[in-house]
Amino acid sequence: MNDKEHSMQLGRFTLLIAMLATLTGCWEHEPIGVPVANYNFSQHDINSVWVNGKWAGLVRVEEGGAQAGWVSLPATYQPGITVTVDWERNACVHGTSECAKRDKDGEIIQVKFRKTVAVQPYDAKDVAELQLAFLPNDEVRGYADGALFSYEKHPSRKEFGGLLAQGMRPLESLWPRAGIKSEASR
């Protein structure tokens, strides 16, 4: 084999290795698809939720965990990952006489919201769902995780301590006194 043939074979081998490395890199960075689970810590029934334009269920007062819809997240967490959450909730507080009021079509009066929600840091191997926590004052937090809020290492503990760990219930009476940061939802 002469130098020219050897150089061509080495070039082909190098190209093959580069292509394989590129393909392997693509596989490692494929987004992960996860279901969306809604958790209601507010005093309003939430009748429809959409994440990034896709329907993701509903969640009544003191309920949470049912999965509906899917969202794609990067396989490797990077700061700045967000999802757009749209939702409609009853204008009235659940179980009050205000809920007897109806719109012109005879339906309970709804209020619509849209927020860009930061997804808290995650490790793809721990992700089982995108957990949306609907909080007082129409705030929302997003956690890509597989653990319950009661788990001592759930990412919500960094901001809320054990407040969300005590189960789904309206937190409005605790919210102002809890010293909760409100800037995490935008």
Protein backbone atom coordinates (compact mmCIF):
# COMPACT_ATOMS: atom_id res chain seq x y z
CA MET A 1 0.00 0.00 0.00
CA ASN A 2 1.44 3.35 -0.97
CA ASP A 3 1.28 6.55 1.07
CA LYS A 4 -1.63 7.94 -0.96
CA GLU A 5 -3.78 4.82 -0.40
CA HIS A 6 -2.84 4.73 3.26
CA SER A 7 -3.77 8.42 3.64
CA MET A 8 -7.15 7.81 1.93
CA GLN A 9 -7.93 4.84 4.20
CA LEU A 10 -6.94 6.84 7.26
CA GLY A 11 -9.20 9.68 6.05
CA ARG A 12 -12.14 7.28 5.56
CA PHE A 13 -11.55 5.74 8.98
CA THR A 14 -11.41 9.20 10.58
CA LEU A 15 -14.64 10.19 8.79
CA LEU A 16 -16.34 6.99 9.97
CA ILE A 17 -15.28 7.62 13.58
CA ALA A 18 -16.48 11.24 13.36
CA MET A 19 -19.86 10.12 11.97
CA LEU A 20 -20.28 7.51 14.73
CA ALA A 21 -19.37 10.06 17.38
CA THR A 22 -21.89 12.49 15.95
CA LEU A 23 -24.64 9.86 15.87
CA THR A 24 -23.87 8.72 19.40
CA GLY A 25 -23.92 12.32 20.57
CA CYS A 26 -27.33 12.81 18.96
CA TRP A 27 -28.74 9.76 20.73
CA GLU A 28 -27.46 11.01 24.07
CA HIS A 29 -29.15 14.36 23.57
CA GLU A 30 -32.53 13.17 22.34
CA PRO A 31 -35.31 14.84 24.33
CA ILE A 32 -37.20 12.74 26.84
CA GLY A 33 -40.98 12.53 26.62
CA VAL A 34 -42.77 12.59 29.96
CA PRO A 35 -46.41 12.75 31.03
CA VAL A 36 -47.73 15.84 32.81
CA ALA A 37 -49.25 15.55 36.29
CA ASN A 38 -51.13 18.46 37.88
CA TYR A 39 -51.26 19.08 41.63
CA ASN A 40 -53.68 21.62 43.11
CA PHE A 41 -52.64 23.52 46.22
CA SER A 42 -55.14 26.34 45.61
CA GLN A 43 -58.79 26.92 46.49
CA HIS A 44 -59.96 26.98 42.86
CA ASP A 45 -60.97 24.07 40.62
CA ILE A 46 -58.74 24.05 37.55
CA ASN A 47 -60.81 22.87 34.61
CA SER A 48 -58.25 22.72 31.80
CA VAL A 49 -54.46 22.75 31.62
CA TRP A 50 -52.28 22.99 28.50
CA VAL A 51 -48.50 22.69 28.43
CA ASN A 52 -46.70 24.05 25.39
CA GLY A 53 -50.05 24.11 23.58
CA LYS A 54 -50.97 20.47 24.35
CA TRP A 55 -53.86 19.50 26.60
CA ALA A 56 -52.61 18.17 29.94
CA GLY A 57 -55.75 17.48 31.96
CA LEU A 58 -57.47 19.19 34.85
CA VAL A 59 -57.23 19.16 38.62
CA ARG A 60 -59.87 19.91 41.22
CA VAL A 61 -59.30 21.32 44.70
CA GLU A 62 -57.37 18.92 46.97
CA GLU A 63 -56.51 16.62 44.06
CA GLY A 64 -53.41 15.80 42.09
CA GLY A 65 -51.27 13.23 40.44
CA ALA A 66 -53.35 12.04 37.50
CA GLN A 67 -51.28 12.14 34.32
CA ALA A 68 -52.49 13.52 31.01
CA GLY A 69 -50.66 14.85 28.00
CA TRP A 70 -46.94 14.72 27.32
CA VAL A 71 -44.10 17.18 27.14
CA SER A 72 -40.56 16.90 25.75
CA LEU A 73 -37.67 17.94 27.95
CA PRO A 74 -33.96 17.96 27.17
CA ALA A 75 -32.27 14.76 28.35
CA THR A 76 -29.67 16.87 30.13
CA TYR A 77 -30.87 19.68 32.38
CA GLN A 78 -29.67 23.14 31.45
CA PRO A 79 -30.57 26.33 33.34
CA GLY A 80 -33.38 28.24 31.66
CA ILE A 81 -35.59 25.31 30.64
CA THR A 82 -39.19 26.50 30.67
CA VAL A 83 -42.65 25.36 29.65
CA THR A 84 -45.63 27.50 28.79
CA VAL A 85 -48.60 26.67 30.98
CA ASP A 86 -52.12 27.83 30.09
CA TRP A 87 -55.02 27.05 32.40
CA GLU A 88 -58.63 27.89 33.11
CA ARG A 89 -59.89 27.89 36.65
CA ASN A 90 -63.17 28.73 38.31
CA ALA A 91 -63.36 32.41 39.26
CA CYS A 92 -65.07 31.36 42.50
CA VAL A 93 -63.54 29.70 45.53
CA HIS A 94 -64.49 26.02 45.59
CA GLY A 95 -67.62 25.26 47.62
CA THR A 96 -68.75 28.87 48.11
CA SER A 97 -72.00 30.55 47.10
CA GLU A 98 -70.03 32.53 44.50
CA CYS A 99 -69.95 29.34 42.42
CA ALA A 100 -73.71 29.70 41.91
CA LYS A 101 -73.02 32.69 39.62
CA ARG A 102 -73.01 31.80 35.94
CA ASP A 103 -71.94 33.42 32.69
CA LYS A 104 -74.37 34.24 29.86
CA ASP A 105 -74.23 30.60 28.71
CA GLY A 106 -75.08 29.24 32.16
CA GLU A 107 -71.54 28.02 32.86
CA ILE A 108 -69.43 28.67 35.97
CA ILE A 109 -67.36 31.79 35.35
CA GLN A 110 -63.80 30.92 34.31
CA VAL A 111 -60.55 32.88 34.49
CA LYS A 112 -57.72 32.14 32.03
CA PHE A 113 -54.00 32.35 32.72
CA ARG A 114 -50.74 31.85 30.84
CA LYS A 115 -47.34 31.68 32.47
CA THR A 116 -43.86 30.71 31.44
CA VAL A 117 -42.75 28.32 34.16
CA ALA A 118 -39.12 27.43 34.91
CA VAL A 119 -38.52 23.71 35.22
CA GLN A 120 -36.43 23.11 38.33
CA PRO A 121 -33.10 21.24 37.95
CA TYR A 122 -33.49 17.51 37.29
CA ASP A 123 -31.58 14.35 36.51
CA ALA A 124 -33.13 12.51 33.56
CA LYS A 125 -32.79 9.13 35.30
CA ASP A 126 -35.16 10.36 38.05
CA VAL A 127 -37.78 11.90 35.75
CA ALA A 128 -41.11 10.08 35.61
CA GLU A 129 -43.38 13.07 34.98
CA LEU A 130 -43.51 16.84 34.76
CA GLN A 131 -45.21 17.83 38.00
CA LEU A 132 -47.07 21.14 37.86
CA ALA A 133 -47.86 22.54 41.31
CA PHE A 134 -50.74 25.05 41.11
CA LEU A 135 -50.32 27.36 44.09
CA PRO A 136 -52.14 30.33 45.66
CA ASN A 137 -52.07 33.66 43.82
CA ASP A 138 -52.12 31.77 40.50
CA GLU A 139 -48.49 30.76 40.80
CA VAL A 140 -47.17 27.54 39.23
CA ARG A 141 -43.97 25.56 39.74
CA GLY A 142 -42.62 22.83 37.47
CA TYR A 143 -40.68 19.80 38.70
CA ALA A 144 -39.40 17.05 36.41
CA ASP A 145 -39.24 14.23 38.90
CA GLY A 146 -40.63 10.87 39.88
CA ALA A 147 -40.86 11.29 43.65
CA LEU A 148 -43.86 12.36 45.68
CA PHE A 149 -43.88 15.82 47.24
CA SER A 150 -43.55 14.06 50.62
CA TYR A 151 -40.12 12.65 49.69
CA GLU A 152 -37.49 14.49 51.70
CA LYS A 153 -35.31 15.10 48.62
CA HIS A 154 -38.13 16.32 46.33
CA PRO A 155 -36.92 19.48 44.56
CA SER A 156 -39.84 21.52 45.99
CA ARG A 157 -38.20 21.29 49.44
CA LYS A 158 -35.54 23.84 48.41
CA GLU A 159 -38.15 26.58 48.10
CA PHE A 160 -41.02 25.43 50.29
CA GLY A 161 -39.55 23.18 52.95
CA GLY A 162 -42.20 20.60 53.87
CA LEU A 163 -45.20 22.80 52.96
CA LEU A 164 -46.15 20.82 49.82
CA ALA A 165 -45.24 17.52 51.46
CA GLN A 166 -48.33 17.63 53.67
CA GLY A 167 -50.67 16.79 50.79
CA MET A 168 -52.96 18.57 48.36
CA ARG A 169 -54.99 21.21 50.14
CA PRO A 170 -55.61 24.91 49.67
CA LEU A 171 -52.63 26.84 51.01
CA GLU A 172 -54.06 30.37 50.79
CA SER A 173 -54.33 30.70 54.59
CA LEU A 174 -50.67 29.65 54.98
CA TRP A 175 -49.23 31.40 51.95
CA PRO A 176 -48.51 34.95 53.19
CA ARG A 177 -47.11 33.70 56.52
CA ALA A 178 -45.01 30.97 54.94
CA GLY A 179 -42.41 33.41 53.59
CA ILE A 180 -42.70 31.89 50.14
CA LYS A 181 -40.79 33.47 47.28
CA SER A 182 -43.15 34.56 44.50
CA GLU A 183 -40.64 35.34 41.75
CA ALA A 184 -40.13 31.72 40.61
CA SER A 185 -43.23 31.88 38.36
CA ARG A 186 -43.22 34.57 35.74
